[in-house]
């Protein structure tokens, strides 16, 4: 059956993101930072970097931005995204 909802399978767009694809790209980049030893930004019982990254984004602890070139590009390269963390 799958996990399609009543809306025909469309996922709700995360606040602050222009697409669900971009949310996943940002979460993957943050997960890589966590795997490389970056400290977590939230209290969590999860040990999985991908889950922690998604939870950090939902908590508003991870910020992202498009480069100026991407804003004007027809097809933005998701590899060029900058994932930044708030300064303590």
N, C-alpha and C. Protein backbone atom coordinates (compact mmCIF):
# COMPACT_ATOMS: atom_id res chain seq x y z
N UNK A 1 0.80 -1.19 0.00
CA UNK A 1 0.00 0.00 0.00
C UNK A 1 0.85 1.26 0.00
N UNK A 2 1.89 1.37 0.83
CA UNK A 2 2.71 2.57 0.87
C UNK A 2 2.20 3.56 1.89
N UNK A 3 2.83 4.72 1.92
CA UNK A 3 2.49 5.71 2.92
C UNK A 3 1.83 6.95 2.33
N UNK A 4 1.09 6.79 1.26
CA UNK A 4 0.40 7.93 0.65
C UNK A 4 -0.75 8.39 1.53
N UNK A 5 -0.86 9.68 1.66
CA UNK A 5 -1.95 10.24 2.43
C UNK A 5 -3.15 10.53 1.55
N UNK A 6 -4.13 11.19 2.14
CA UNK A 6 -5.34 11.53 1.41
C UNK A 6 -5.09 12.53 0.29
N UNK A 7 -3.96 13.21 0.35
CA UNK A 7 -3.65 14.23 -0.66
C UNK A 7 -2.98 13.65 -1.90
N UNK A 8 -3.00 12.36 -2.07
CA UNK A 8 -2.43 11.73 -3.26
C UNK A 8 -0.94 11.47 -3.15
N UNK A 9 -0.39 11.52 -1.95
CA UNK A 9 1.02 11.21 -1.79
C UNK A 9 1.92 12.42 -1.68
N UNK A 10 1.37 13.62 -1.83
CA UNK A 10 2.20 14.81 -1.70
C UNK A 10 2.59 15.05 -0.26
N UNK A 11 3.89 15.23 -0.04
CA UNK A 11 4.38 15.52 1.30
C UNK A 11 4.21 17.01 1.58
N UNK A 12 3.99 17.34 2.84
CA UNK A 12 3.88 18.74 3.23
C UNK A 12 5.26 19.38 3.14
N UNK A 13 5.31 20.57 2.60
CA UNK A 13 6.57 21.29 2.44
C UNK A 13 7.03 21.82 3.79
N UNK A 14 8.30 21.58 4.13
CA UNK A 14 8.86 22.07 5.38
C UNK A 14 8.93 23.59 5.35
N UNK A 15 8.65 24.21 6.49
CA UNK A 15 8.75 25.67 6.60
C UNK A 15 10.17 26.11 6.29
N UNK A 16 10.31 27.16 5.49
CA UNK A 16 11.63 27.70 5.17
C UNK A 16 12.31 27.04 3.99
N UNK A 17 11.67 26.07 3.37
CA UNK A 17 12.27 25.37 2.24
C UNK A 17 11.40 25.54 1.01
N UNK A 18 12.04 25.69 -0.14
CA UNK A 18 11.31 25.84 -1.39
C UNK A 18 10.92 24.51 -2.01
N UNK A 19 11.49 23.40 -1.49
CA UNK A 19 11.11 22.07 -1.97
C UNK A 19 11.52 21.02 -0.93
N UNK A 20 10.86 19.89 -0.96
CA UNK A 20 11.23 18.79 -0.07
C UNK A 20 12.60 18.23 -0.46
N UNK A 21 12.92 18.31 -1.73
CA UNK A 21 14.22 17.85 -2.21
C UNK A 21 15.32 18.66 -1.52
N UNK A 22 15.15 19.97 -1.44
CA UNK A 22 16.17 20.81 -0.80
C UNK A 22 16.30 20.47 0.68
N UNK A 23 15.19 20.18 1.34
CA UNK A 23 15.23 19.78 2.75
C UNK A 23 16.11 18.54 2.91
N UNK A 24 15.95 17.57 2.05
CA UNK A 24 16.72 16.33 2.12
C UNK A 24 18.20 16.60 1.86
N UNK A 25 18.50 17.46 0.90
CA UNK A 25 19.90 17.80 0.59
C UNK A 25 20.56 18.46 1.79
N UNK A 26 19.87 19.43 2.41
CA UNK A 26 20.42 20.13 3.57
C UNK A 26 20.60 19.15 4.73
N UNK A 27 19.62 18.28 4.95
CA UNK A 27 19.73 17.28 6.02
C UNK A 27 20.90 16.34 5.77
N UNK A 28 21.12 15.94 4.54
CA UNK A 28 22.23 15.04 4.21
C UNK A 28 23.57 15.72 4.48
N UNK A 29 23.66 16.99 4.15
CA UNK A 29 24.90 17.72 4.41
C UNK A 29 25.16 17.85 5.90
N UNK A 30 24.11 18.14 6.65
CA UNK A 30 24.28 18.26 8.10
C UNK A 30 24.64 16.90 8.70
N UNK A 31 24.04 15.82 8.18
CA UNK A 31 24.36 14.47 8.66
C UNK A 31 25.84 14.17 8.43
N UNK A 32 26.38 14.60 7.29
CA UNK A 32 27.80 14.40 7.03
C UNK A 32 28.65 15.16 8.05
N UNK A 33 28.21 16.37 8.41
CA UNK A 33 28.94 17.12 9.44
C UNK A 33 28.93 16.36 10.76
N UNK A 34 27.78 15.80 11.11
CA UNK A 34 27.66 15.04 12.36
C UNK A 34 28.56 13.80 12.32
N UNK A 35 28.60 13.12 11.18
CA UNK A 35 29.43 11.94 11.05
C UNK A 35 30.91 12.28 11.15
N UNK A 36 31.24 13.52 10.81
CA UNK A 36 32.64 13.97 10.88
C UNK A 36 33.02 14.51 12.25
N UNK A 37 32.09 14.41 13.21
CA UNK A 37 32.42 14.79 14.57
C UNK A 37 31.80 16.08 15.07
N UNK A 38 30.98 16.75 14.26
CA UNK A 38 30.33 17.98 14.71
C UNK A 38 29.38 17.66 15.86
N UNK A 39 29.29 18.54 16.86
CA UNK A 39 28.39 18.28 17.98
C UNK A 39 26.92 18.46 17.57
N UNK A 40 26.05 17.73 18.23
CA UNK A 40 24.62 17.90 17.96
C UNK A 40 24.16 19.22 18.55
N UNK A 41 23.13 19.80 17.96
CA UNK A 41 22.62 21.10 18.37
C UNK A 41 21.35 20.99 19.22
N UNK A 42 20.86 19.77 19.38
CA UNK A 42 19.65 19.54 20.17
C UNK A 42 19.86 18.33 21.05
N UNK A 43 19.07 18.21 22.10
CA UNK A 43 19.07 16.99 22.91
C UNK A 43 18.24 15.96 22.17
N UNK A 44 18.79 14.78 21.99
CA UNK A 44 18.09 13.74 21.25
C UNK A 44 18.52 12.37 21.76
N UNK A 45 17.61 11.43 21.65
CA UNK A 45 17.94 10.06 22.01
C UNK A 45 18.35 9.26 20.77
N UNK A 46 18.19 9.87 19.59
CA UNK A 46 18.56 9.20 18.34
C UNK A 46 20.06 9.13 18.19
N UNK A 47 20.53 8.07 17.58
CA UNK A 47 21.95 7.90 17.31
C UNK A 47 22.24 7.98 15.81
N UNK A 48 21.20 8.11 15.01
CA UNK A 48 21.35 8.14 13.56
C UNK A 48 21.56 9.57 13.07
N UNK A 49 22.67 9.83 12.40
CA UNK A 49 22.97 11.20 11.95
C UNK A 49 21.88 11.81 11.06
N UNK A 50 21.27 11.01 10.20
CA UNK A 50 20.23 11.56 9.32
C UNK A 50 19.01 12.01 10.12
N UNK A 51 18.61 11.24 11.10
CA UNK A 51 17.46 11.60 11.95
C UNK A 51 17.79 12.83 12.79
N UNK A 52 19.00 12.86 13.36
CA UNK A 52 19.41 14.01 14.17
C UNK A 52 19.41 15.28 13.31
N UNK A 53 19.95 15.19 12.10
CA UNK A 53 20.00 16.34 11.21
C UNK A 53 18.59 16.85 10.89
N UNK A 54 17.68 15.96 10.59
CA UNK A 54 16.30 16.36 10.30
C UNK A 54 15.66 17.02 11.53
N UNK A 55 15.89 16.47 12.69
CA UNK A 55 15.35 17.04 13.92
C UNK A 55 15.94 18.42 14.21
N UNK A 56 17.23 18.59 13.94
CA UNK A 56 17.86 19.89 14.13
C UNK A 56 17.27 20.93 13.20
N UNK A 57 17.00 20.54 11.96
CA UNK A 57 16.40 21.47 11.00
C UNK A 57 15.00 21.85 11.46
N UNK A 58 14.21 20.86 11.86
CA UNK A 58 12.85 21.15 12.33
C UNK A 58 12.85 22.06 13.56
N UNK A 59 13.90 21.96 14.39
CA UNK A 59 14.01 22.79 15.59
C UNK A 59 14.56 24.19 15.27
N UNK A 60 14.89 24.43 14.01
CA UNK A 60 15.39 25.74 13.61
C UNK A 60 16.85 25.99 13.95
N UNK A 61 17.61 24.94 14.17
CA UNK A 61 19.01 25.07 14.56
C UNK A 61 19.98 25.06 13.39
N UNK A 62 19.53 24.65 12.21
CA UNK A 62 20.38 24.60 11.03
C UNK A 62 19.79 25.54 9.99
N UNK A 63 20.64 26.42 9.46
CA UNK A 63 20.19 27.39 8.47
C UNK A 63 20.91 27.14 7.15
N UNK A 64 20.27 27.45 6.06
CA UNK A 64 20.87 27.23 4.75
C UNK A 64 20.57 28.44 3.89
N UNK A 65 21.35 28.57 2.83
CA UNK A 65 21.10 29.63 1.87
C UNK A 65 21.63 29.23 0.51
N UNK A 66 21.02 29.79 -0.51
CA UNK A 66 21.49 29.59 -1.87
C UNK A 66 22.55 30.63 -2.17
N UNK A 67 23.53 30.26 -2.97
CA UNK A 67 24.51 31.24 -3.40
C UNK A 67 23.82 32.20 -4.37
N UNK A 68 24.35 33.41 -4.56
CA UNK A 68 23.72 34.36 -5.49
C UNK A 68 23.57 33.79 -6.90
N UNK A 69 24.54 32.99 -7.32
CA UNK A 69 24.46 32.40 -8.66
C UNK A 69 23.28 31.44 -8.76
N UNK A 70 23.03 30.69 -7.70
CA UNK A 70 21.93 29.72 -7.72
C UNK A 70 20.58 30.41 -7.79
N UNK A 71 20.46 31.55 -7.15
CA UNK A 71 19.19 32.27 -7.14
C UNK A 71 18.75 32.64 -8.55
N UNK A 72 19.73 32.83 -9.44
CA UNK A 72 19.42 33.24 -10.81
C UNK A 72 19.53 32.11 -11.82
N UNK A 73 19.96 30.96 -11.37
CA UNK A 73 20.14 29.83 -12.28
C UNK A 73 18.80 29.16 -12.57
N UNK A 74 18.67 28.65 -13.74
CA UNK A 74 17.46 27.92 -14.10
C UNK A 74 17.43 26.60 -13.36
N UNK A 75 18.57 25.91 -13.32
CA UNK A 75 18.69 24.66 -12.59
C UNK A 75 19.77 24.86 -11.53
N UNK A 76 19.36 24.88 -10.26
CA UNK A 76 20.32 25.09 -9.18
C UNK A 76 21.05 23.78 -8.88
N UNK A 77 22.34 23.87 -8.64
CA UNK A 77 23.15 22.72 -8.28
C UNK A 77 23.07 22.54 -6.77
N UNK A 78 22.39 21.48 -6.28
CA UNK A 78 22.24 21.31 -4.84
C UNK A 78 23.57 21.11 -4.11
N UNK A 79 24.62 20.76 -4.83
CA UNK A 79 25.91 20.57 -4.19
C UNK A 79 26.47 21.91 -3.72
N UNK A 80 26.04 23.01 -4.31
CA UNK A 80 26.57 24.32 -3.95
C UNK A 80 25.90 24.92 -2.73
N UNK A 81 24.96 24.24 -2.12
CA UNK A 81 24.29 24.78 -0.94
C UNK A 81 25.25 24.92 0.22
N UNK A 82 25.14 26.03 0.92
CA UNK A 82 25.91 26.23 2.14
C UNK A 82 25.05 25.92 3.34
N UNK A 83 25.48 25.00 4.17
CA UNK A 83 24.78 24.69 5.41
C UNK A 83 25.57 25.34 6.53
N UNK A 84 24.93 26.27 7.24
CA UNK A 84 25.61 26.98 8.29
C UNK A 84 24.92 26.71 9.62
N UNK A 85 25.70 26.83 10.67
CA UNK A 85 25.19 26.61 12.01
C UNK A 85 25.21 27.92 12.75
N UNK A 86 24.25 28.13 13.67
CA UNK A 86 24.28 29.36 14.44
C UNK A 86 25.51 29.39 15.34
N UNK A 87 26.05 30.60 15.54
CA UNK A 87 27.20 30.74 16.42
C UNK A 87 26.74 30.73 17.86
N UNK A 88 27.52 30.08 18.72
CA UNK A 88 27.15 30.00 20.15
C UNK A 88 27.50 31.27 20.86
